[in-house]
Amino acid sequence: MAQVDTIAISADMAHLPLNVAQAVGQLSKSVGPPPDQMRFILCILGTFPLAYLHKFLPNATLKHAYSLFWGLFYVWFVTGVPGKQTICASAAPDLVF
């Protein structure tokens, strides 16, 4: 039997699907930064192609929805469940005013 190199999934990556968490863990192990910093680096690098696609969207409403979706995805991808609390806490003043 071939030995499989498994990456232990830390608690801060429990919100990610198993294959994504393993890929981030393996990339983190080979490149060097911890997994939480690697997720942030991946989001920064992913922003460039997403920004290129953003300019081709036809109207402002679609551009806002696109930006909102990817912004929320980044919060979830980097922080996990506490990101929901961050979103609610930052949206509360907007709802009051």
Protein backbone atom coordinates (compact mmCIF):
# COMPACT_ATOMS: atom_id res chain seq x y z
CA MET A 1 0.00 0.00 0.00
CA ALA A 2 1.18 3.50 -0.77
CA GLN A 3 1.57 5.81 2.15
CA VAL A 4 -0.71 8.83 1.92
CA ASP A 5 0.54 12.12 3.31
CA THR A 6 -2.39 13.46 5.29
CA ILE A 7 -2.68 17.01 6.50
CA ALA A 8 -4.28 17.51 9.88
CA ILE A 9 -7.21 19.89 9.63
CA SER A 10 -7.08 22.50 12.37
CA ALA A 11 -10.19 23.82 14.08
CA ASP A 12 -9.93 27.15 12.26
CA MET A 13 -10.50 25.35 8.93
CA ALA A 14 -13.44 23.24 10.06
CA HIS A 15 -15.88 25.48 8.16
CA LEU A 16 -14.27 24.58 4.82
CA PRO A 17 -15.07 21.49 2.77
CA LEU A 18 -12.57 18.72 3.51
CA ASN A 19 -10.87 18.77 0.10
CA VAL A 20 -10.44 22.58 0.22
CA ALA A 21 -9.10 22.46 3.79
CA GLN A 22 -6.61 19.74 2.80
CA ALA A 23 -5.49 21.70 -0.27
CA VAL A 24 -4.99 24.87 1.78
CA GLY A 25 -3.16 22.86 4.45
CA GLN A 26 -0.87 21.24 1.88
CA LEU A 27 -0.18 24.58 0.19
CA SER A 28 0.50 26.16 3.57
CA LYS A 29 2.87 23.36 4.47
CA SER A 30 4.81 23.65 1.20
CA VAL A 31 4.92 27.48 0.96
CA GLY A 32 5.39 28.36 4.62
CA PRO A 33 2.74 30.68 6.06
CA PRO A 34 0.17 29.32 8.54
CA PRO A 35 -3.18 28.19 7.07
CA ASP A 36 -5.08 31.31 8.17
CA GLN A 37 -2.56 33.56 6.43
CA MET A 38 -2.57 31.27 3.39
CA ARG A 39 -6.35 31.65 3.08
CA PHE A 40 -5.93 35.43 3.17
CA ILE A 41 -3.16 35.31 0.54
CA LEU A 42 -5.36 33.16 -1.70
CA CYS A 43 -8.17 35.70 -1.39
CA ILE A 44 -5.85 38.56 -2.32
CA LEU A 45 -4.58 36.66 -5.35
CA GLY A 46 -8.12 35.67 -6.32
CA THR A 47 -9.20 39.30 -6.33
CA PHE A 48 -7.30 40.11 -9.53
CA PRO A 49 -9.20 37.79 -11.92
CA LEU A 50 -12.47 38.63 -10.18
CA ALA A 51 -11.82 42.36 -10.66
CA TYR A 52 -11.14 41.75 -14.34
CA LEU A 53 -14.50 40.00 -14.73
CA HIS A 54 -16.23 42.75 -12.73
CA LYS A 55 -15.66 45.34 -15.43
CA PHE A 56 -17.64 43.28 -17.96
CA LEU A 57 -20.84 43.20 -15.89
CA PRO A 58 -23.56 45.20 -17.65
CA ASN A 59 -25.19 47.29 -14.91
CA ALA A 60 -24.55 48.75 -11.46
CA THR A 61 -26.98 46.46 -9.63
CA LEU A 62 -25.27 43.36 -10.96
CA LYS A 63 -21.85 44.81 -10.09
CA HIS A 64 -22.99 45.51 -6.51
CA ALA A 65 -24.42 41.98 -6.14
CA TYR A 66 -21.20 40.50 -7.57
CA SER A 67 -19.07 42.50 -5.14
CA LEU A 68 -21.33 41.66 -2.20
CA PHE A 69 -21.23 37.95 -2.98
CA TRP A 70 -17.43 37.77 -3.27
CA GLY A 71 -16.92 40.00 -0.24
CA LEU A 72 -19.10 37.74 1.90
CA PHE A 73 -17.38 34.68 0.46
CA TYR A 74 -13.97 36.10 1.41
CA VAL A 75 -15.15 36.80 4.96
CA TRP A 76 -16.46 33.23 5.24
CA PHE A 77 -13.37 31.68 3.61
CA VAL A 78 -10.87 33.51 5.81
CA THR A 79 -12.69 33.70 9.15
CA GLY A 80 -15.42 31.07 9.06
CA VAL A 81 -18.44 31.29 11.34
CA PRO A 82 -17.35 34.42 13.29
CA GLY A 83 -17.51 36.27 9.97
CA LYS A 84 -21.30 36.21 10.22
CA GLN A 85 -21.08 38.05 13.53
CA THR A 86 -18.71 40.58 11.98
CA ILE A 87 -21.09 41.23 9.12
CA CYS A 88 -24.05 41.70 11.46
CA ALA A 89 -22.09 43.98 13.76
CA SER A 90 -20.87 46.16 10.88
CA ALA A 91 -24.30 46.31 9.21
CA ALA A 92 -26.15 47.34 12.40
CA PRO A 93 -25.13 51.03 12.28
CA ASP A 94 -26.21 51.22 8.65
CA LEU A 95 -29.64 49.90 9.54
CA VAL A 96 -30.02 52.42 12.38
CA PHE A 97 -29.21 55.40 10.19
